[in-house]
């Protein structure tokens, strides 16, 4: 993780821990296990179950995570795996760009590239590396990571599936961890993670000279992958958080949704606001939907997870370094108290 991003995150986390230690109403219930994988008790789940659209949702998430947890990849191996994924991304970016001519040849080359990657064990692609790398000891088993693991393993989900959680919930890290954890577990699947700038990411993944060619390439490419027996799980993370979806972006999402739905591929869109998730879910009938999930508060970090982060990082060394101009907000973040949560968890600032 880049130093400035790490320091801001850790300062917020430290402020949360200190404030919660002083304020009884924010304290984590003592009955909750400190173990990362048992951070939500059955009583807590039952209390929130009435918010879930599908009664079998909680059981499905728990079942999916339990399967993964039995063979959970060590943290050091995940960090190493991300480095290999980023190297694969470098070779992907060297592929020729499509400029509006001979779409079939371009699609054939993309399909061949994915086939070769899957055969070589490179079943996770992040075309443009995320801004912040994984920490040396990432916190595992957060509720949002468990949700991502469950959705990525759901073979019945096709088209666009929108999920949301608050800022500071660790969505990007959870999505990266889930993708890396599931890497290679199914021989016919490839997971692609696109983060931040949607247009730039679509151009990078589909190898386009201009994002306007997205629909022209996406459908035949998705069809070609299906014909080869390859299932694509495309994650769009933090690409639509700037506000209302503009008409051009909506059209591109509809094109992706229809192409994915018709070919049994999956597009997961992760946003911060529930309203944005609902808007995405209503774009194109059955091809787009808002995903089943718990209320946003459920995906806040617990005190135990925050303390685990602090223990795994030399926070004192980071915080005593002089701030640059772009880090001037750090003292304000340190002084800002955590926001209360009905789930006994910390809401990131």
Protein backbone atom coordinates (compact mmCIF):
# COMPACT_ATOMS: atom_id res chain seq x y z
CA UNK A 1 0.00 0.00 0.00
CA UNK A 2 1.36 3.45 -0.85
CA UNK A 3 2.68 5.34 2.23
CA UNK A 4 0.25 8.26 2.13
CA UNK A 5 -2.80 6.03 1.67
CA UNK A 6 -1.56 3.70 4.40
CA UNK A 7 -0.97 6.51 6.86
CA UNK A 8 -4.39 8.04 6.33
CA UNK A 9 -6.10 4.65 6.69
CA UNK A 10 -4.15 3.77 9.82
CA UNK A 11 -4.76 7.17 11.39
CA UNK A 12 -8.49 6.74 10.89
CA UNK A 13 -8.31 3.22 12.27
CA UNK A 14 -6.34 4.35 15.33
CA UNK A 15 -8.78 7.16 16.02
CA UNK A 16 -11.60 4.66 15.83
CA UNK A 17 -9.98 2.30 18.32
CA UNK A 18 -9.17 5.07 20.80
CA UNK A 19 -12.64 6.58 20.60
CA UNK A 20 -14.36 3.22 20.96
CA UNK A 21 -12.26 2.39 24.00
CA UNK A 22 -13.52 5.60 25.65
CA UNK A 23 -17.16 5.36 24.64
CA UNK A 24 -19.16 2.44 25.99
CA UNK A 25 -21.98 2.73 23.50
CA UNK A 26 -19.58 2.03 20.62
CA UNK A 27 -17.88 -0.92 22.30
CA UNK A 28 -17.88 -4.28 20.59
CA UNK A 29 -20.00 -6.81 22.53
CA UNK A 30 -17.75 -9.02 24.65
CA UNK A 31 -19.55 -12.11 23.43
CA UNK A 32 -18.20 -11.56 19.93
CA UNK A 33 -15.14 -13.68 19.16
CA UNK A 34 -11.98 -11.77 18.31
CA UNK A 35 -11.13 -14.33 15.68
CA UNK A 36 -11.45 -12.79 12.20
CA UNK A 37 -13.45 -15.67 10.79
CA UNK A 38 -16.01 -15.58 13.63
CA UNK A 39 -16.55 -11.84 13.76
CA UNK A 40 -20.32 -12.06 13.42
CA UNK A 41 -22.24 -14.24 15.87
CA UNK A 42 -25.37 -16.13 14.92
CA UNK A 43 -27.40 -13.79 17.12
CA UNK A 44 -26.17 -10.76 15.15
CA UNK A 45 -27.00 -12.47 11.88
CA UNK A 46 -30.50 -13.34 13.08
CA UNK A 47 -31.16 -9.77 14.16
CA UNK A 48 -30.39 -8.47 10.67
CA UNK A 49 -31.86 -11.32 8.65
CA UNK A 50 -35.14 -9.49 8.08
CA UNK A 51 -33.32 -7.05 5.79
CA UNK A 52 -32.33 -9.78 3.36
CA UNK A 53 -34.39 -10.30 0.23
CA UNK A 54 -33.60 -14.01 -0.08
CA UNK A 55 -34.11 -16.09 3.12
CA UNK A 56 -31.34 -18.46 2.03
CA UNK A 57 -28.87 -15.62 1.52
CA UNK A 58 -27.03 -15.82 4.83
CA UNK A 59 -26.73 -19.59 4.60
CA UNK A 60 -25.38 -19.30 1.07
CA UNK A 61 -22.71 -16.77 2.06
CA UNK A 62 -21.68 -18.81 5.10
CA UNK A 63 -21.53 -22.01 3.07
CA UNK A 64 -19.42 -20.43 0.32
CA UNK A 65 -16.98 -18.96 2.82
CA UNK A 66 -16.72 -22.18 4.83
CA UNK A 67 -15.62 -24.05 1.71
CA UNK A 68 -12.92 -21.46 0.97
CA UNK A 69 -11.85 -21.10 4.59
CA UNK A 70 -10.81 -24.74 4.86
CA UNK A 71 -8.06 -24.14 2.29
CA UNK A 72 -7.47 -20.41 2.80
CA UNK A 73 -4.36 -19.13 1.03
CA UNK A 74 -1.69 -17.71 3.39
CA UNK A 75 -1.39 -13.92 3.28
CA UNK A 76 2.17 -13.97 1.98
CA UNK A 77 1.13 -16.17 -0.94
CA UNK A 78 -1.72 -13.80 -1.82
CA UNK A 79 0.64 -10.83 -1.95
CA UNK A 80 2.96 -12.86 -4.17
CA UNK A 81 0.00 -13.88 -6.31
CA UNK A 82 -0.92 -10.23 -6.85
CA UNK A 83 2.59 -9.53 -8.12
CA UNK A 84 2.18 -12.31 -10.70
CA UNK A 85 -1.23 -10.94 -11.70
CA UNK A 86 0.30 -7.51 -12.25
CA UNK A 87 3.03 -9.02 -14.43
CA UNK A 88 0.34 -10.75 -16.50
CA UNK A 89 -1.41 -7.37 -16.81
CA UNK A 90 1.75 -5.89 -18.31
CA UNK A 91 1.73 -8.48 -21.10
CA UNK A 92 -2.01 -7.91 -21.67
CA UNK A 93 -1.43 -4.18 -22.16
CA UNK A 94 1.02 -4.96 -24.94
CA UNK A 95 -1.77 -6.40 -27.11
CA UNK A 96 -2.78 -4.52 -30.23
CA UNK A 97 -5.57 -1.96 -29.92
CA UNK A 98 -8.81 -2.22 -31.88
CA UNK A 99 -9.38 0.89 -34.00
CA UNK A 100 -12.67 0.03 -35.67
CA UNK A 101 -11.51 -2.46 -38.31
CA UNK A 102 -11.82 -6.27 -38.43
CA UNK A 103 -13.60 -6.91 -35.14
CA UNK A 104 -13.54 -10.68 -35.66
CA UNK A 105 -9.75 -10.83 -35.80
CA UNK A 106 -9.51 -8.68 -32.66
CA UNK A 107 -12.00 -10.89 -30.79
CA UNK A 108 -10.16 -14.03 -31.87
CA UNK A 109 -6.89 -12.63 -30.51
CA UNK A 110 -8.49 -11.63 -27.21
CA UNK A 111 -10.06 -15.07 -26.84
CA UNK A 112 -6.78 -16.78 -27.62
CA UNK A 113 -5.06 -14.62 -25.01
CA UNK A 114 -7.58 -15.59 -22.34
CA UNK A 115 -7.32 -19.28 -23.28
CA UNK A 116 -3.54 -19.19 -23.00
CA UNK A 117 -3.74 -17.36 -19.69
CA UNK A 118 -6.16 -19.89 -18.18
CA UNK A 119 -4.01 -22.79 -19.39
CA UNK A 120 -0.97 -21.16 -17.76
CA UNK A 121 -2.78 -20.61 -14.46
CA UNK A 122 -3.24 -16.87 -14.98
CA UNK A 123 -6.98 -16.86 -14.36
CA UNK A 124 -7.08 -13.42 -12.69
CA UNK A 125 -6.50 -10.24 -14.70
CA UNK A 126 -6.21 -6.69 -13.37
CA UNK A 127 -5.42 -4.73 -16.58
CA UNK A 128 -4.45 -1.55 -14.73
CA UNK A 129 -3.00 -2.20 -11.28
CA UNK A 130 -5.01 -0.81 -8.40
CA UNK A 131 -3.72 2.34 -6.73
CA UNK A 132 -2.94 0.60 -3.45
CA UNK A 133 -1.28 -2.79 -3.29
CA UNK A 134 -2.33 -5.32 -0.68
CA UNK A 135 -0.86 -4.78 2.80
CA UNK A 136 1.77 -7.36 3.84
CA UNK A 137 -0.74 -9.07 6.13
CA UNK A 138 -4.24 -8.37 4.75
CA UNK A 139 -7.16 -8.86 7.12
CA UNK A 140 -9.11 -11.87 5.94
CA UNK A 141 -12.73 -12.89 6.31
CA UNK A 142 -14.30 -9.44 6.53
CA UNK A 143 -18.03 -9.52 5.75
CA UNK A 144 -17.51 -7.88 2.35
CA UNK A 145 -14.83 -10.39 1.35
CA UNK A 146 -17.19 -13.20 2.33
CA UNK A 147 -19.93 -11.58 0.24
CA UNK A 148 -17.60 -11.29 -2.77
CA UNK A 149 -16.51 -14.92 -2.45
CA UNK A 150 -20.14 -16.04 -2.36
CA UNK A 151 -21.17 -13.98 -5.39
CA UNK A 152 -18.12 -15.02 -7.43
CA UNK A 153 -18.92 -18.67 -6.76
CA UNK A 154 -22.60 -18.34 -7.60
CA UNK A 155 -23.10 -20.08 -10.93
CA UNK A 156 -26.68 -18.80 -11.27
CA UNK A 157 -25.73 -15.10 -11.42
CA UNK A 158 -25.42 -13.70 -14.96
CA UNK A 159 -25.58 -10.17 -16.32
CA UNK A 160 -24.90 -7.13 -14.11
CA UNK A 161 -25.10 -7.57 -10.33
CA UNK A 162 -24.70 -4.38 -8.25
CA UNK A 163 -23.36 -4.40 -4.67
CA UNK A 164 -22.73 -1.50 -2.30
CA UNK A 165 -20.94 -0.71 0.96
CA UNK A 166 -19.86 2.46 2.71
CA UNK A 167 -16.56 4.27 2.12
CA UNK A 168 -13.92 2.76 4.39
CA UNK A 169 -15.44 -0.73 4.35
CA UNK A 170 -12.46 -2.11 2.44
CA UNK A 171 -14.40 -2.96 -0.73
CA UNK A 172 -11.42 -2.76 -3.10
CA UNK A 173 -9.16 -4.87 -0.89
CA UNK A 174 -11.96 -7.38 -0.32
CA UNK A 175 -12.61 -7.67 -4.05
CA UNK A 176 -8.90 -8.18 -4.74
CA UNK A 177 -8.57 -10.79 -1.98
CA UNK A 178 -11.64 -12.68 -3.18
CA UNK A 179 -10.40 -12.73 -6.77
CA UNK A 180 -6.95 -13.94 -5.76
CA UNK A 181 -8.37 -16.52 -3.35
CA UNK A 182 -10.57 -18.05 -6.03
CA UNK A 183 -7.83 -17.96 -8.66
CA UNK A 184 -7.63 -21.33 -10.37
CA UNK A 185 -10.23 -23.03 -8.17
CA UNK A 186 -12.34 -23.59 -11.27
CA UNK A 187 -10.38 -24.41 -14.39
CA UNK A 188 -12.84 -22.82 -16.83
CA UNK A 189 -13.22 -19.42 -15.14
CA UNK A 190 -11.37 -16.13 -15.42
CA UNK A 191 -11.84 -13.19 -13.04
CA UNK A 192 -11.13 -9.68 -14.32
CA UNK A 193 -10.96 -6.77 -11.88
CA UNK A 194 -11.36 -3.22 -13.26
CA UNK A 195 -10.95 -0.39 -10.77
CA UNK A 196 -11.63 3.36 -10.81
CA UNK A 197 -11.80 5.07 -14.25
CA UNK A 198 -14.42 3.04 -16.16
CA UNK A 199 -13.61 4.28 -19.66
CA UNK A 200 -9.88 3.78 -19.27
CA UNK A 201 -10.39 0.33 -17.76
CA UNK A 202 -12.74 -0.82 -20.53
CA UNK A 203 -10.25 0.37 -23.13
CA UNK A 204 -7.47 -1.49 -21.34
CA UNK A 205 -9.32 -4.80 -20.94
CA UNK A 206 -10.96 -4.96 -24.38
CA UNK A 207 -7.85 -3.38 -25.96
CA UNK A 208 -9.70 -0.49 -27.58
CA UNK A 209 -8.31 2.72 -29.04
CA UNK A 210 -11.58 4.38 -28.00
CA UNK A 211 -14.18 3.36 -25.41
CA UNK A 212 -16.93 3.92 -28.02
CA UNK A 213 -16.08 0.47 -29.43
CA UNK A 214 -17.03 -1.32 -26.19
CA UNK A 215 -20.36 -2.76 -27.36
CA UNK A 216 -18.90 -3.65 -30.75
CA UNK A 217 -16.28 -5.91 -29.15
CA UNK A 218 -17.91 -7.00 -25.88
CA UNK A 219 -20.72 -9.10 -27.35
CA UNK A 220 -18.68 -11.17 -29.83
CA UNK A 221 -15.91 -11.53 -27.25
CA UNK A 222 -18.31 -12.77 -24.57
CA UNK A 223 -19.89 -15.15 -27.10
CA UNK A 224 -16.48 -16.45 -28.14
CA UNK A 225 -15.51 -17.14 -24.52
CA UNK A 226 -18.76 -19.01 -23.97
CA UNK A 227 -18.14 -21.12 -27.07
CA UNK A 228 -14.71 -22.01 -25.67
CA UNK A 229 -16.28 -23.09 -22.38
CA UNK A 230 -14.81 -20.17 -20.41
CA UNK A 231 -16.89 -18.25 -17.88
CA UNK A 232 -15.97 -14.61 -17.32
CA UNK A 233 -16.49 -12.87 -14.00
CA UNK A 234 -15.90 -9.16 -14.53
CA UNK A 235 -15.69 -6.91 -11.45
CA UNK A 236 -16.17 -3.14 -11.85
CA UNK A 237 -14.95 -1.58 -8.60
CA UNK A 238 -15.32 2.11 -7.71
CA UNK A 239 -15.99 3.04 -11.31
CA UNK A 240 -19.36 4.74 -10.79
CA UNK A 241 -19.06 6.64 -7.51
CA UNK A 242 -18.83 10.18 -8.89
CA UNK A 243 -22.59 10.72 -8.96
CA UNK A 244 -25.54 10.09 -11.26
CA UNK A 245 -24.79 7.73 -14.13
CA UNK A 246 -24.60 9.70 -17.37
CA UNK A 247 -26.44 8.42 -20.49
CA UNK A 248 -23.30 7.18 -22.26
CA UNK A 249 -22.14 5.21 -19.23
CA UNK A 250 -25.63 3.77 -18.81
CA UNK A 251 -25.63 2.67 -22.45
CA UNK A 252 -22.25 0.94 -22.02
CA UNK A 253 -23.46 -0.83 -18.89
CA UNK A 254 -26.59 -2.00 -20.72
CA UNK A 255 -24.48 -3.34 -23.57
CA UNK A 256 -22.23 -5.19 -21.13
CA UNK A 257 -25.24 -6.48 -19.21
CA UNK A 258 -27.04 -7.85 -22.27
CA UNK A 259 -23.89 -9.44 -23.68
CA UNK A 260 -22.99 -10.99 -20.32
CA UNK A 261 -26.51 -12.18 -19.57
CA UNK A 262 -26.98 -13.78 -22.99
CA UNK A 263 -23.67 -15.64 -22.65
CA UNK A 264 -23.96 -16.56 -18.95
CA UNK A 265 -21.10 -14.31 -17.85
CA UNK A 266 -21.14 -12.18 -14.70
CA UNK A 267 -20.49 -8.45 -14.24
CA UNK A 268 -20.29 -7.33 -10.60
CA UNK A 269 -20.48 -3.57 -10.04
CA UNK A 270 -19.31 -2.34 -6.62
CA UNK A 271 -20.39 1.15 -5.52
CA UNK A 272 -20.57 3.20 -2.31
CA UNK A 273 -24.21 4.27 -2.33
CA UNK A 274 -27.27 2.07 -2.22
CA UNK A 275 -29.05 4.52 -4.53
CA UNK A 276 -26.36 3.95 -7.16
CA UNK A 277 -26.72 0.18 -6.81
CA UNK A 278 -30.48 0.49 -7.26
CA UNK A 279 -30.04 2.71 -10.32
CA UNK A 280 -27.67 0.19 -11.90
CA UNK A 281 -29.99 -2.66 -11.00
CA UNK A 282 -32.84 -1.01 -12.87
CA UNK A 283 -31.00 -0.23 -16.10
CA UNK A 284 -32.00 -3.20 -18.22
CA UNK A 285 -34.69 -5.53 -16.91
CA UNK A 286 -33.52 -9.04 -16.03
CA UNK A 287 -30.00 -8.37 -17.32
CA UNK A 288 -29.27 -5.93 -14.45
CA UNK A 289 -30.19 -6.23 -10.81
CA UNK A 290 -29.27 -5.00 -7.36
CA UNK A 291 -27.61 -7.87 -5.53
CA UNK A 292 -28.87 -9.49 -2.36
CA UNK A 293 -26.83 -8.35 0.63
CA UNK A 294 -27.05 -7.19 4.23
CA UNK A 295 -27.51 -3.48 5.08
CA UNK A 296 -24.41 -1.37 4.46
CA UNK A 297 -23.74 -1.11 8.21
CA UNK A 298 -23.10 -4.85 8.38
CA UNK A 299 -19.97 -4.48 6.24
CA UNK A 300 -18.24 -2.01 8.54
CA UNK A 301 -15.00 -3.13 10.13
CA UNK A 302 -15.17 -4.58 13.64
CA UNK A 303 -12.88 -3.37 16.40
CA UNK A 304 -11.00 -6.65 16.23
CA UNK A 305 -10.26 -6.20 12.52
CA UNK A 306 -9.08 -2.63 13.10
CA UNK A 307 -6.76 -3.80 15.87
CA UNK A 308 -5.45 -6.58 13.62
CA UNK A 309 -4.58 -3.96 11.00
CA UNK A 310 -2.74 -1.84 13.56
CA UNK A 311 -0.81 -4.84 14.87
CA UNK A 312 0.28 -5.88 11.39
CA UNK A 313 1.66 -2.43 10.53
CA UNK A 314 4.30 -0.24 12.15
CA UNK A 315 1.88 2.64 12.62
CA UNK A 316 4.17 4.72 14.83
CA UNK A 317 6.87 4.81 12.17
CA UNK A 318 4.32 5.85 9.54
CA UNK A 319 2.63 8.55 11.61
CA UNK A 320 5.79 10.31 12.83
CA UNK A 321 6.99 11.02 9.29
CA UNK A 322 6.42 14.63 8.10
CA UNK A 323 3.30 15.19 6.03
CA UNK A 324 3.35 16.36 2.43
CA UNK A 325 0.85 18.91 1.14
CA UNK A 326 -1.43 16.19 -0.18
CA UNK A 327 -1.58 14.64 3.30
CA UNK A 328 -2.65 17.76 5.16
CA UNK A 329 -6.01 16.20 5.99
CA UNK A 330 -4.37 13.56 8.23
CA UNK A 331 -4.57 15.48 11.57
CA UNK A 332 -8.24 16.18 10.91
CA UNK A 333 -8.86 12.50 10.27
CA UNK A 334 -7.08 11.55 13.48
CA UNK A 335 -9.25 13.92 15.51
CA UNK A 336 -12.48 12.88 13.87
CA UNK A 337 -14.46 10.36 15.98
CA UNK A 338 -15.80 7.16 14.47
CA UNK A 339 -19.45 7.12 13.57
CA UNK A 340 -21.74 4.90 15.66
CA UNK A 341 -23.02 1.67 14.21
CA UNK A 342 -26.03 -0.41 15.13
CA UNK A 343 -23.92 -3.50 14.47
CA UNK A 344 -21.24 -2.59 17.02
CA UNK A 345 -18.77 -1.91 14.24
CA UNK A 346 -16.67 0.98 13.02
CA UNK A 347 -17.82 3.02 10.08
CA UNK A 348 -14.80 4.25 8.16
CA UNK A 349 -14.51 7.99 7.58
